[in-house]
């Protein structure tokens, strides 16, 4: 495999006619500066020349910024790259304009990919909005996990819209094109680079709609920039906020970076792409040394793959972050292997089985035909950006270290509080915790609890279960019963459930009518009889009472305890109450 490159200049035709690629599998990538004057007409000239001399080689391209040429970024010229595959089994096929919003066409694309022998990678170049891309992800991720998925979002702004093109089709400003790479001897390796460091405590996105975040922890989203960072609502907001993007944690395995674009009059923030409501976010910051070290670590891993060429999708926002040093990461990646690519509006990568649209990252795609023959020698020393770390960055490290230590202590305290208030075996509140709730309700100093009831029950003939089947089966019965209580009873409003001791349980309920409490108690009795306990069936006896005005907590507890044992005396598997139904 080899990579050939040129720019669209007066020698363009002369240059590409010297490329000996007519009998090879190949693909042209054309990256066009989005803000170049008359860029469409110039791109048309490029496409006409390529189609005339290489009519059988597919072409794909888009509006871009920071086009990579000869290992550096080229901001003002159209860059044309030819990926040339020399193994006879390698195939490259373009699927132009599968409008992602069209389910039928997405089905067709998915079937085409599944039916492609030895499929190794799927490249996506898109100008589509976020929602169609998100819908397409569900299709793409049906492909086998050993197929690499990567790509880019074309660059545009309010004045010059992003566009894509493929083969001899027209330009599109709202759809996507895909490239299928296949071959027995074709190998691909993908990775991504972040390097941003999260600081501060996690915040919850309490209100969002698409790419607009209205509230964090119930407060206007802009407050996080105003209060903690003193970033103002002015023309510099985008550039100031770019240094402090959000690390978004959607679930345990999915984390990505998003950056703020603008602030609305109501204090909401328009982000680079959608932020799901309920997600956890932390402010992060970009420290050049950390980012470069992460870049170098990622490049070293990629070079272990011994690539013959690398395709790089760098984020436009990351390019802006580096300012005058915007070439620094690209040059690091281009030291050992030929590279192509550009700075995009968003970077697409399948990571741990899920295709994600990233921001402020770099996506790296390493390609090779055949086995590993040799690996380049790489200097693994850490990157030194300048001779000294700035005071600002030292303070950021200091603050971040303190925050992480406080968060760790808070997690330890939370765990200690949980253990002190919950029963180890069942996960229910322990006796001390549920008893304190009853005492607080009796005192009612803050007026939180009114009109409250107690339900107390225990397992009938539980000693027989332990004696017959062993204590492990007895513990299993307690766990199954407690799981039911946690999932069905403890989730009810103003209801607390605790293990009183042994096989006894206590339920506190506030603001329920007498009839409703008796219904809950009867439901517990009936449902526990049907629990899937392997070696036996159990039943419970229940007492139900209502707290009386000015009554001490112990009096209410003693009364519900007496009602429980009355239920046992009357034959067990019963509800006894001193309130009428």
Protein backbone atom coordinates (compact mmCIF):
# COMPACT_ATOMS: atom_id res chain seq x y z
CA UNK A 1 0.00 0.00 0.00
CA UNK A 2 1.18 3.54 -0.69
CA UNK A 3 -0.13 7.10 -0.34
CA UNK A 4 0.27 9.75 -3.04
CA UNK A 5 -0.60 13.43 -2.56
CA UNK A 6 -0.71 16.71 -4.38
CA UNK A 7 -2.47 20.05 -4.23
CA UNK A 8 -4.61 21.66 -6.91
CA UNK A 9 -2.12 23.98 -8.57
CA UNK A 10 -0.85 24.71 -12.08
CA UNK A 11 1.09 21.43 -12.06
CA UNK A 12 -1.87 19.34 -10.87
CA UNK A 13 -2.61 17.54 -14.16
CA UNK A 14 1.06 16.94 -14.85
CA UNK A 15 1.56 15.49 -11.37
CA UNK A 16 -1.31 13.00 -11.31
CA UNK A 17 -0.61 11.70 -14.80
CA UNK A 18 2.75 10.50 -13.49
CA UNK A 19 1.03 8.39 -10.85
CA UNK A 20 1.16 4.76 -11.99
CA UNK A 21 -2.10 3.59 -10.41
CA UNK A 22 -4.40 2.62 -13.29
CA UNK A 23 -4.19 -1.13 -12.64
CA UNK A 24 -4.45 -0.91 -8.84
CA UNK A 25 -7.31 -0.71 -6.40
CA UNK A 26 -7.30 2.88 -5.19
CA UNK A 27 -9.43 5.74 -3.91
CA UNK A 28 -9.08 9.51 -4.23
CA UNK A 29 -9.84 11.75 -1.24
CA UNK A 30 -10.38 15.41 -2.08
CA UNK A 31 -10.41 17.90 0.80
CA UNK A 32 -11.57 21.41 -0.07
CA UNK A 33 -11.09 24.50 2.17
CA UNK A 34 -14.66 25.42 3.15
CA UNK A 35 -13.92 29.15 3.08
CA UNK A 36 -11.97 29.14 -0.19
CA UNK A 37 -13.34 31.60 -2.72
CA UNK A 38 -15.09 29.84 -5.61
CA UNK A 39 -14.38 26.45 -4.01
CA UNK A 40 -17.12 24.54 -5.87
CA UNK A 41 -15.89 25.57 -9.31
CA UNK A 42 -12.31 24.71 -8.41
CA UNK A 43 -13.43 21.35 -7.05
CA UNK A 44 -15.29 20.70 -10.30
CA UNK A 45 -12.03 21.18 -12.18
CA UNK A 46 -10.29 18.66 -9.91
CA UNK A 47 -13.05 16.12 -10.37
CA UNK A 48 -13.03 16.50 -14.17
CA UNK A 49 -9.30 15.84 -14.34
CA UNK A 50 -9.51 12.79 -12.07
CA UNK A 51 -12.47 11.39 -14.00
CA UNK A 52 -10.67 11.85 -17.33
CA UNK A 53 -7.39 10.18 -16.40
CA UNK A 54 -8.67 7.66 -13.83
CA UNK A 55 -12.34 6.94 -14.67
CA UNK A 56 -12.37 3.64 -12.76
CA UNK A 57 -10.98 4.96 -9.47
CA UNK A 58 -13.64 6.14 -6.96
CA UNK A 59 -13.55 9.71 -5.64
CA UNK A 60 -14.89 11.04 -2.36
CA UNK A 61 -14.45 14.39 -0.67
CA UNK A 62 -15.86 17.21 1.40
CA UNK A 63 -15.47 20.78 2.58
CA UNK A 64 -12.70 20.90 5.15
CA UNK A 65 -10.21 22.99 7.05
CA UNK A 66 -6.60 22.22 7.86
CA UNK A 67 -6.09 19.76 4.97
CA UNK A 68 -3.11 17.48 5.63
CA UNK A 69 -0.40 17.59 2.95
CA UNK A 70 3.16 16.26 3.32
CA UNK A 71 2.72 15.85 7.08
CA UNK A 72 1.51 19.38 7.79
CA UNK A 73 -1.76 21.29 7.64
CA UNK A 74 -2.49 23.22 4.47
CA UNK A 75 -5.25 25.78 5.03
CA UNK A 76 -5.64 27.39 1.61
CA UNK A 77 -5.36 24.70 -1.05
CA UNK A 78 -7.40 21.75 -2.25
CA UNK A 79 -5.52 18.57 -1.32
CA UNK A 80 -5.90 15.38 -3.35
CA UNK A 81 -4.68 12.08 -1.89
CA UNK A 82 -4.61 8.68 -3.57
CA UNK A 83 -4.66 5.60 -1.33
CA UNK A 84 -3.21 2.88 -3.54
CA UNK A 85 -3.67 -0.79 -2.61
CA UNK A 86 -1.27 -3.22 -4.24
CA UNK A 87 -2.73 -6.57 -3.18
CA UNK A 88 -4.99 -7.97 -5.97
CA UNK A 89 -7.70 -8.97 -3.46
CA UNK A 90 -8.14 -5.49 -1.97
CA UNK A 91 -11.34 -3.70 -3.00
CA UNK A 92 -12.62 -0.16 -2.41
CA UNK A 93 -16.26 0.68 -3.09
CA UNK A 94 -18.10 3.97 -2.57
CA UNK A 95 -21.78 4.01 -1.59
CA UNK A 96 -22.80 7.58 -2.45
CA UNK A 97 -25.70 9.43 -0.90
CA UNK A 98 -27.32 6.90 1.26
CA UNK A 99 -29.61 9.45 2.86
CA UNK A 100 -29.29 8.34 6.44
CA UNK A 101 -32.77 9.56 7.33
CA UNK A 102 -34.21 7.06 4.82
CA UNK A 103 -34.63 3.71 6.57
CA UNK A 104 -34.97 1.69 3.35
CA UNK A 105 -31.69 3.01 1.99
CA UNK A 106 -29.93 2.39 5.31
CA UNK A 107 -31.17 -1.20 5.17
CA UNK A 108 -29.69 -1.47 1.68
CA UNK A 109 -26.36 -0.09 2.84
CA UNK A 110 -26.23 -2.44 5.82
CA UNK A 111 -26.99 -5.45 3.62
CA UNK A 112 -24.34 -4.37 1.12
CA UNK A 113 -21.76 -4.11 3.91
CA UNK A 114 -22.73 -7.52 5.35
CA UNK A 115 -22.47 -9.13 1.92
CA UNK A 116 -19.03 -7.65 1.17
CA UNK A 117 -16.41 -10.43 1.54
CA UNK A 118 -13.50 -9.71 3.90
CA UNK A 119 -14.89 -6.28 4.86
CA UNK A 120 -12.30 -4.51 7.01
CA UNK A 121 -13.52 -0.96 7.38
CA UNK A 122 -16.35 1.50 6.75
CA UNK A 123 -15.55 5.18 6.26
CA UNK A 124 -18.32 7.77 6.61
CA UNK A 125 -18.07 11.31 5.28
CA UNK A 126 -21.16 13.32 6.14
CA UNK A 127 -22.83 16.70 6.08
CA UNK A 128 -25.97 15.32 7.72
CA UNK A 129 -27.46 16.73 10.95
CA UNK A 130 -26.82 14.99 14.24
CA UNK A 131 -30.12 13.12 14.56
CA UNK A 132 -29.85 11.21 11.25
CA UNK A 133 -26.27 10.32 12.19
CA UNK A 134 -27.45 8.98 15.54
CA UNK A 135 -30.09 6.88 13.77
CA UNK A 136 -27.47 5.55 11.36
CA UNK A 137 -25.27 4.46 14.26
CA UNK A 138 -27.82 1.82 15.24
CA UNK A 139 -27.50 0.29 11.78
CA UNK A 140 -23.72 0.50 11.60
CA UNK A 141 -23.22 -1.15 14.96
CA UNK A 142 -25.00 -4.25 13.70
CA UNK A 143 -21.83 -5.03 11.74
CA UNK A 144 -19.29 -7.43 13.23
CA UNK A 145 -17.16 -5.79 15.93
CA UNK A 146 -13.93 -6.59 14.05
CA UNK A 147 -14.95 -4.13 11.29
CA UNK A 148 -13.48 -0.67 11.89
CA UNK A 149 -15.88 2.28 11.52
CA UNK A 150 -14.47 5.79 11.20
CA UNK A 151 -15.17 9.07 9.49
CA UNK A 152 -15.70 12.79 9.60
CA UNK A 153 -18.22 15.61 9.53
CA UNK A 154 -17.63 18.13 6.74
CA UNK A 155 -16.79 21.70 7.76
CA UNK A 156 -19.03 24.68 7.14
CA UNK A 157 -20.49 27.75 8.81
CA UNK A 158 -23.54 30.00 8.54
CA UNK A 159 -22.20 31.59 5.37
CA UNK A 160 -20.68 28.62 3.55
CA UNK A 161 -22.52 25.39 4.21
CA UNK A 162 -20.69 22.09 4.58
CA UNK A 163 -20.87 19.76 1.60
CA UNK A 164 -19.79 16.29 0.49
CA UNK A 165 -19.45 14.63 -2.93
CA UNK A 166 -18.65 11.22 -4.39
CA UNK A 167 -17.78 9.91 -7.86
CA UNK A 168 -19.76 11.82 -10.51
CA UNK A 169 -22.70 12.61 -8.23
CA UNK A 170 -23.56 16.19 -7.32
CA UNK A 171 -22.83 18.00 -4.08
CA UNK A 172 -24.92 17.36 -1.00
CA UNK A 173 -25.33 19.52 2.10
CA UNK A 174 -27.48 17.16 4.20
CA UNK A 175 -26.48 13.54 3.61
CA UNK A 176 -23.59 11.08 3.70
CA UNK A 177 -21.40 8.84 1.62
CA UNK A 178 -19.62 5.67 2.71
CA UNK A 179 -16.53 3.81 1.61
CA UNK A 180 -16.24 0.04 2.05
CA UNK A 181 -12.67 -1.25 2.38
CA UNK A 182 -12.21 -5.02 1.95
CA UNK A 183 -9.49 -7.57 1.28
CA UNK A 184 -7.93 -10.66 2.81
CA UNK A 185 -4.57 -8.95 3.24
CA UNK A 186 -5.94 -5.54 4.21
CA UNK A 187 -5.54 -4.65 7.89
CA UNK A 188 -6.84 -1.62 9.80
CA UNK A 189 -6.28 -0.24 13.28
CA UNK A 190 -8.21 2.72 14.73
CA UNK A 191 -7.80 4.78 17.87
CA UNK A 192 -8.68 8.21 19.20
CA UNK A 193 -6.79 10.91 21.10
CA UNK A 194 -8.23 13.18 23.74
CA UNK A 195 -5.83 14.33 26.43
CA UNK A 196 -8.31 16.66 28.15
CA UNK A 197 -8.33 16.47 31.95
CA UNK A 198 -11.60 16.58 33.89
CA UNK A 199 -11.72 18.96 36.86
CA UNK A 200 -14.31 19.72 39.50
CA UNK A 201 -17.32 17.71 40.60
CA UNK A 202 -19.71 15.88 38.26
CA UNK A 203 -22.83 17.84 37.28
CA UNK A 204 -26.09 16.36 36.00
CA UNK A 205 -27.74 17.59 32.81
CA UNK A 206 -31.18 18.18 34.30
CA UNK A 207 -32.68 19.74 31.18
CA UNK A 208 -31.56 19.56 27.56
CA UNK A 209 -33.02 19.40 24.09
CA UNK A 210 -30.78 18.30 21.26
CA UNK A 211 -27.59 20.34 21.32
CA UNK A 212 -29.03 22.97 23.71
CA UNK A 213 -28.37 22.42 27.42
CA UNK A 214 -30.69 24.48 29.59
CA UNK A 215 -29.84 23.34 33.10
CA UNK A 216 -27.04 21.69 35.04
CA UNK A 217 -28.07 20.53 38.52
CA UNK A 218 -31.25 22.58 38.10
CA UNK A 219 -29.41 25.85 37.39
CA UNK A 220 -28.88 27.70 34.09
CA UNK A 221 -26.09 25.97 32.20
CA UNK A 222 -24.12 29.18 31.69
CA UNK A 223 -23.63 29.47 35.46
CA UNK A 224 -20.89 26.83 35.31
CA UNK A 225 -18.80 29.10 33.06
CA UNK A 226 -19.72 32.32 34.84
CA UNK A 227 -19.37 31.12 38.44
CA UNK A 228 -16.32 28.87 38.19
CA UNK A 229 -14.38 30.28 35.23
CA UNK A 230 -15.53 33.92 34.88
CA UNK A 231 -16.15 33.41 31.17
CA UNK A 232 -18.49 36.13 29.94
CA UNK A 233 -21.32 36.25 27.40
CA UNK A 234 -19.45 38.13 24.72
CA UNK A 235 -17.86 37.64 21.31
CA UNK A 236 -14.95 35.75 22.91
CA UNK A 237 -17.16 33.14 24.58
CA UNK A 238 -16.53 30.44 21.96
CA UNK A 239 -12.74 30.78 22.17
CA UNK A 240 -12.64 31.13 25.97
CA UNK A 241 -14.97 28.15 26.48
CA UNK A 242 -12.99 26.06 23.97
CA UNK A 243 -10.25 25.67 26.57
CA UNK A 244 -12.79 24.13 28.98
CA UNK A 245 -14.91 21.53 27.14
CA UNK A 246 -17.23 19.06 28.85
CA UNK A 247 -16.38 15.46 29.52
CA UNK A 248 -19.76 13.74 29.08
CA UNK A 249 -20.38 10.42 30.83
CA UNK A 250 -23.47 8.78 29.32
CA UNK A 251 -22.94 5.36 30.91
CA UNK A 252 -20.11 3.34 32.45
CA UNK A 253 -18.45 2.63 29.11
CA UNK A 254 -19.29 5.75 27.06
CA UNK A 255 -17.40 9.02 27.58
CA UNK A 256 -16.82 11.76 25.03
CA UNK A 257 -15.89 15.43 24.79
CA UNK A 258 -18.25 18.25 23.79
CA UNK A 259 -17.50 21.97 23.60
CA UNK A 260 -19.72 25.03 24.00
CA UNK A 261 -20.46 27.12 20.91
CA UNK A 262 -22.62 29.99 22.20
CA UNK A 263 -24.77 31.25 25.06
CA UNK A 264 -28.46 32.05 24.60
CA UNK A 265 -30.26 34.91 26.32
CA UNK A 266 -31.92 32.53 28.81
CA UNK A 267 -28.57 31.16 30.02
CA UNK A 268 -28.78 27.95 28.02
CA UNK A 269 -25.72 26.84 26.06
CA UNK A 270 -25.60 25.55 22.51
CA UNK A 271 -23.10 22.70 22.42
CA UNK A 272 -21.13 21.25 19.52
CA UNK A 273 -23.52 18.29 19.29
CA UNK A 274 -26.37 16.73 21.27
CA UNK A 275 -26.06 16.22 25.03
CA UNK A 276 -28.53 13.68 26.48
CA UNK A 277 -30.63 14.71 29.44
CA UNK A 278 -29.54 12.83 32.56
CA UNK A 279 -25.90 12.58 31.49
CA UNK A 280 -23.13 13.42 33.94
CA UNK A 281 -20.64 16.08 32.85
CA UNK A 282 -17.41 17.47 34.21
CA UNK A 283 -15.57 20.54 33.03
CA UNK A 284 -12.22 19.61 31.52
CA UNK A 285 -9.22 21.66 30.50
CA UNK A 286 -6.53 21.38 27.87
CA UNK A 287 -2.97 21.28 29.12
CA UNK A 288 -0.60 21.12 26.12
CA UNK A 289 1.88 18.74 27.71
CA UNK A 290 -0.80 16.26 28.72
CA UNK A 291 -2.48 16.41 25.29
CA UNK A 292 0.80 15.86 23.45
CA UNK A 293 1.81 12.97 25.70
CA UNK A 294 -1.53 11.29 25.05
CA UNK A 295 -1.07 11.88 21.31
CA UNK A 296 2.39 10.36 21.39
CA UNK A 297 1.23 7.34 23.40
CA UNK A 298 -1.54 6.71 20.85
CA UNK A 299 0.84 7.08 17.90
CA UNK A 300 3.26 4.61 19.48
CA UNK A 301 0.45 2.04 19.77
CA UNK A 302 -0.52 2.64 16.14
CA UNK A 303 3.07 2.22 14.96
CA UNK A 304 3.19 -1.19 16.62
CA UNK A 305 0.66 -2.12 13.94
CA UNK A 306 3.35 -1.18 11.34
CA UNK A 307 1.06 0.90 9.07
CA UNK A 308 1.94 1.78 5.51
CA UNK A 309 -0.33 4.84 5.62
CA UNK A 310 -2.41 6.74 8.19
CA UNK A 311 -5.68 8.59 7.73
CA UNK A 312 -6.19 11.32 10.35
CA UNK A 313 -9.38 13.18 11.26
CA UNK A 314 -8.48 16.09 13.50
CA UNK A 315 -11.10 18.30 15.16
CA UNK A 316 -11.45 21.89 13.97
CA UNK A 317 -11.89 22.93 17.62
CA UNK A 318 -8.67 21.17 18.56
CA UNK A 319 -6.91 23.02 15.76
CA UNK A 320 -8.22 26.32 17.15
CA UNK A 321 -7.09 25.32 20.66
CA UNK A 322 -3.49 25.01 19.48
CA UNK A 323 -3.66 28.42 17.78
CA UNK A 324 -0.30 29.10 16.08
CA UNK A 325 0.94 25.61 17.02
CA UNK A 326 -1.92 23.85 15.21
CA UNK A 327 0.53 21.65 13.25
CA UNK A 328 2.14 20.20 16.34
CA UNK A 329 0.12 16.98 16.66
CA UNK A 330 -0.06 16.28 12.93
CA UNK A 331 3.70 16.58 12.55
CA UNK A 332 4.17 14.16 15.46
CA UNK A 333 1.92 11.61 13.74
CA UNK A 334 3.59 12.11 10.37
CA UNK A 335 7.17 11.47 11.46
CA UNK A 336 7.20 7.77 10.64
CA UNK A 337 4.50 7.15 8.00
CA UNK A 338 2.69 8.98 5.19
CA UNK A 339 -0.53 10.66 6.37
CA UNK A 340 -3.65 12.16 4.87
CA UNK A 341 -6.81 13.69 6.31
CA UNK A 342 -8.10 17.04 7.54
CA UNK A 343 -9.59 18.96 10.46
CA UNK A 344 -13.32 18.18 10.64
CA UNK A 345 -16.34 19.53 12.46
CA UNK A 346 -16.75 16.15 14.18
CA UNK A 347 -14.86 12.86 14.27
CA UNK A 348 -16.61 9.50 13.91
CA UNK A 349 -15.14 6.37 15.46
CA UNK A 350 -16.41 3.00 16.55
CA UNK A 351 -14.97 2.54 20.03
CA UNK A 352 -15.59 -0.57 22.14
CA UNK A 353 -18.38 -1.67 19.81
CA UNK A 354 -20.24 1.66 19.71
CA UNK A 355 -19.95 4.24 16.95
CA UNK A 356 -19.64 7.70 18.53
CA UNK A 357 -19.46 11.22 17.15
CA UNK A 358 -16.56 12.89 18.95
CA UNK A 359 -15.47 16.50 19.37
CA UNK A 360 -12.05 17.95 20.21
CA UNK A 361 -10.43 14.60 19.47
CA UNK A 362 -8.17 13.12 16.82
CA UNK A 363 -9.23 9.90 15.10
CA UNK A 364 -6.35 7.87 13.68
CA UNK A 365 -6.80 5.09 11.11
CA UNK A 366 -3.71 3.00 10.41
CA UNK A 367 -3.74 0.81 7.26
CA UNK A 368 -1.49 -1.98 6.04
CA UNK A 369 -1.54 -4.70 3.42
CA UNK A 370 0.08 -8.01 4.28
CA UNK A 371 1.91 -9.11 7.46
CA UNK A 372 4.06 -6.90 9.68
CA UNK A 373 7.51 -6.81 8.14
CA UNK A 374 9.18 -4.19 10.33
CA UNK A 375 8.32 -1.60 12.92
CA UNK A 376 9.78 1.91 13.13
CA UNK A 377 11.96 2.81 16.09
CA UNK A 378 10.11 5.37 18.16
CA UNK A 379 11.36 7.63 20.93
CA UNK A 380 9.04 6.89 23.87
CA UNK A 381 10.16 9.79 26.07
CA UNK A 382 7.44 12.15 27.21
CA UNK A 383 6.82 15.21 25.12
CA UNK A 384 8.09 18.47 26.56
CA UNK A 385 6.01 21.47 25.53
CA UNK A 386 8.15 24.40 26.58
CA UNK A 387 10.69 24.42 29.37
CA UNK A 388 8.32 25.14 32.22
CA UNK A 389 4.71 24.45 33.08
CA UNK A 390 2.83 27.75 33.28
CA UNK A 391 1.46 29.03 36.57
CA UNK A 392 -2.09 28.64 35.20
CA UNK A 393 -1.54 25.00 34.42
CA UNK A 394 0.13 24.33 37.78
CA UNK A 395 -2.90 25.86 39.51
CA UNK A 396 -5.19 23.71 37.37
CA UNK A 397 -3.25 20.60 38.42
CA UNK A 398 -3.38 21.73 42.05
CA UNK A 399 -7.13 22.35 41.96
CA UNK A 400 -7.78 19.12 40.10
CA UNK A 401 -5.71 17.08 42.57
CA UNK A 402 -7.57 18.57 45.54
CA UNK A 403 -10.93 17.98 43.81
CA UNK A 404 -10.13 14.34 43.07
CA UNK A 405 -8.97 13.77 46.65
CA UNK A 406 -12.17 15.37 47.98
CA UNK A 407 -14.27 13.27 45.59
CA UNK A 408 -12.46 10.14 46.75
CA UNK A 409 -13.07 11.06 50.39
CA UNK A 410 -16.70 11.83 49.58
CA UNK A 411 -17.10 8.42 47.94
CA UNK A 412 -15.54 6.79 50.99
CA UNK A 413 -17.86 8.75 53.29
CA UNK A 414 -20.87 7.85 51.14
CA UNK A 415 -19.89 4.19 51.32
CA UNK A 416 -19.40 4.39 55.09
CA UNK A 417 -22.80 6.07 55.54
CA UNK A 418 -24.43 3.45 53.35
CA UNK A 419 -22.86 0.61 55.32
CA UNK A 420 -23.84 2.20 58.61
CA UNK A 421 -27.50 2.50 57.55
CA UNK A 422 -28.03 -0.64 55.44
CA UNK A 423 -28.20 -4.33 56.17
CA UNK A 424 -25.29 -6.21 54.57
CA UNK A 425 -27.22 -9.31 53.51
CA UNK A 426 -30.39 -7.76 52.12
CA UNK A 427 -29.47 -4.21 51.08
CA UNK A 428 -32.47 -2.88 53.04
CA UNK A 429 -32.22 -0.22 55.74
CA UNK A 430 -30.95 -1.72 58.98
CA UNK A 431 -32.84 -1.55 62.25
CA UNK A 432 -31.05 1.57 63.45
CA UNK A 433 -31.87 3.49 60.26
CA UNK A 434 -35.55 2.53 60.02
CA UNK A 435 -36.00 3.11 63.76
CA UNK A 436 -34.52 6.61 63.42
CA UNK A 437 -37.00 7.38 60.64
CA UNK A 438 -39.86 6.36 62.93
CA UNK A 439 -38.49 8.47 65.78
CA UNK A 440 -38.06 11.49 63.47
CA UNK A 441 -41.62 11.05 62.25
CA UNK A 442 -42.85 10.96 65.83
CA UNK A 443 -41.00 14.15 66.73
CA UNK A 444 -42.09 15.69 63.39
CA UNK A 445 -39.94 18.74 64.02
CA UNK A 446 -39.74 19.71 60.37
CA UNK A 447 -43.25 18.70 59.37
CA UNK A 448 -42.02 16.25 56.73
CA UNK A 449 -44.00 13.23 57.93
CA UNK A 450 -47.76 13.29 58.48
CA UNK A 451 -50.40 10.62 58.79
CA UNK A 452 -47.99 7.68 58.89
CA UNK A 453 -48.39 3.93 59.28
CA UNK A 454 -46.22 0.94 60.16
CA UNK A 455 -46.32 -2.51 58.60
CA UNK A 456 -44.31 -5.16 60.41
CA UNK A 457 -43.99 -8.74 59.25
CA UNK A 458 -41.86 -11.81 59.53
CA UNK A 459 -41.44 -15.10 57.69
CA UNK A 460 -43.59 -17.91 59.01
CA UNK A 461 -41.71 -20.96 60.33
CA UNK A 462 -38.37 -19.59 59.18
CA UNK A 463 -36.51 -21.85 61.63
CA UNK A 464 -37.85 -24.82 59.70
CA UNK A 465 -36.34 -23.45 56.49
CA UNK A 466 -32.90 -23.15 58.12
CA UNK A 467 -33.12 -26.51 59.85
CA UNK A 468 -34.37 -28.37 56.76
CA UNK A 469 -32.38 -26.77 53.97
CA UNK A 470 -29.50 -25.06 55.76
CA UNK A 471 -28.66 -21.47 56.57
CA UNK A 472 -27.43 -20.75 53.03
CA UNK A 473 -30.92 -21.50 51.71
CA UNK A 474 -32.36 -19.36 54.49
CA UNK A 475 -30.11 -16.47 53.44
CA UNK A 476 -31.17 -17.01 49.83
CA UNK A 477 -34.84 -16.74 50.85
CA UNK A 478 -34.12 -13.48 52.68
CA UNK A 479 -32.31 -12.08 49.63
CA UNK A 480 -35.14 -12.97 47.24
CA UNK A 481 -37.74 -11.50 49.57
CA UNK A 482 -35.66 -8.33 50.01
CA UNK A 483 -35.19 -7.96 46.26
CA UNK A 484 -38.98 -7.94 45.92
CA UNK A 485 -39.26 -5.32 48.67
CA UNK A 486 -36.60 -3.12 47.08
CA UNK A 487 -38.09 -3.30 43.59
CA UNK A 488 -41.79 -3.13 44.44
CA UNK A 489 -42.30 -1.54 47.88
CA UNK A 490 -39.30 0.70 48.62
CA UNK A 491 -39.86 2.55 45.33
CA UNK A 492 -43.31 3.75 46.42
CA UNK A 493 -43.49 7.44 47.38
CA UNK A 494 -42.80 8.18 51.08
CA UNK A 495 -42.14 4.50 51.87
CA UNK A 496 -39.08 3.19 53.73
CA UNK A 497 -38.29 -0.51 54.17
CA UNK A 498 -35.90 -2.01 56.70
CA UNK A 499 -34.80 -5.32 58.16
CA UNK A 500 -35.82 -5.24 61.80
CA UNK A 501 -33.81 -8.30 62.72
CA UNK A 502 -33.53 -11.97 61.68
CA UNK A 503 -36.56 -12.68 59.53
CA UNK A 504 -38.49 -9.59 60.70
CA UNK A 505 -39.09 -6.54 58.49
CA UNK A 506 -40.49 -3.06 59.13
CA UNK A 507 -42.16 -0.73 56.61
CA UNK A 508 -42.76 2.96 57.30
CA UNK A 509 -45.28 4.77 55.05
CA UNK A 510 -46.35 8.41 55.18
CA UNK A 511 -49.35 10.18 53.64
CA UNK A 512 -51.35 7.08 52.71
CA UNK A 513 -54.99 6.38 53.48
CA UNK A 514 -55.92 3.47 55.78
CA UNK A 515 -57.43 1.57 52.85
CA UNK A 516 -54.31 1.99 50.73
CA UNK A 517 -52.00 0.79 53.52
CA UNK A 518 -54.14 -2.33 54.02
CA UNK A 519 -54.03 -2.94 50.26
CA UNK A 520 -50.23 -2.67 50.29
CA UNK A 521 -49.99 -5.08 53.23
CA UNK A 522 -52.31 -7.60 51.58
CA UNK A 523 -50.33 -7.29 48.35
CA UNK A 524 -47.09 -8.06 50.19
CA UNK A 525 -48.65 -11.14 51.80
CA UNK A 526 -49.95 -12.47 48.46
CA UNK A 527 -46.86 -11.68 46.40
CA UNK A 528 -44.35 -13.18 48.81
CA UNK A 529 -46.14 -16.52 48.56
CA UNK A 530 -45.38 -16.53 44.84
CA UNK A 531 -41.68 -15.65 45.03
CA UNK A 532 -39.38 -18.05 43.09
CA UNK A 533 -37.49 -19.59 46.00
CA UNK A 534 -35.93 -22.83 44.79
CA UNK A 535 -36.49 -25.41 47.51
CA UNK A 536 -39.57 -24.17 49.36
CA UNK A 537 -42.38 -21.65 49.46
CA UNK A 538 -42.65 -19.15 52.26
CA UNK A 539 -45.46 -17.11 53.76
CA UNK A 540 -45.47 -14.09 56.01
CA UNK A 541 -47.61 -12.76 58.85
CA UNK A 542 -48.18 -9.00 59.03
CA UNK A 543 -49.26 -6.40 61.55
CA UNK A 544 -50.52 -2.99 60.46
CA UNK A 545 -51.14 0.10 62.58
CA UNK A 546 -51.44 3.85 62.37
CA UNK A 547 -49.56 6.36 64.48
CA UNK A 548 -51.80 8.25 66.87
CA UNK A 549 -51.37 11.97 67.67
CA UNK A 550 -48.85 12.70 70.45
CA UNK A 551 -47.95 9.02 70.69
CA UNK A 552 -44.36 7.98 71.49
CA UNK A 553 -42.54 6.02 68.79
CA UNK A 554 -42.01 3.00 71.05
CA UNK A 555 -45.76 2.75 71.71
CA UNK A 556 -46.53 2.60 67.96
CA UNK A 557 -43.75 0.04 67.43
CA UNK A 558 -44.95 -2.15 70.32
CA UNK A 559 -48.51 -2.08 68.97
CA UNK A 560 -47.55 -3.16 65.44
CA UNK A 561 -45.36 -5.90 66.97
CA UNK A 562 -48.34 -7.20 68.98
CA UNK A 563 -50.51 -7.18 65.83
CA UNK A 564 -47.85 -9.20 63.99
CA UNK A 565 -47.91 -11.91 66.66
CA UNK A 566 -51.70 -11.83 66.70
CA UNK A 567 -51.56 -12.74 63.00
CA UNK A 568 -49.33 -15.68 63.87
CA UNK A 569 -51.65 -16.81 66.65
CA UNK A 570 -54.58 -16.76 64.21
CA UNK A 571 -52.90 -19.24 61.89
CA UNK A 572 -50.15 -17.30 60.10
CA UNK A 573 -50.16 -16.08 56.50
CA UNK A 574 -52.51 -13.29 57.61
CA UNK A 575 -52.74 -9.51 57.98
CA UNK A 576 -53.90 -8.24 61.38
CA UNK A 577 -54.67 -4.55 61.87
CA UNK A 578 -56.26 -2.23 64.36
CA UNK A 579 -57.47 0.09 61.59
CA UNK A 580 -60.68 -0.59 59.66
CA UNK A 581 -60.80 -1.44 55.95
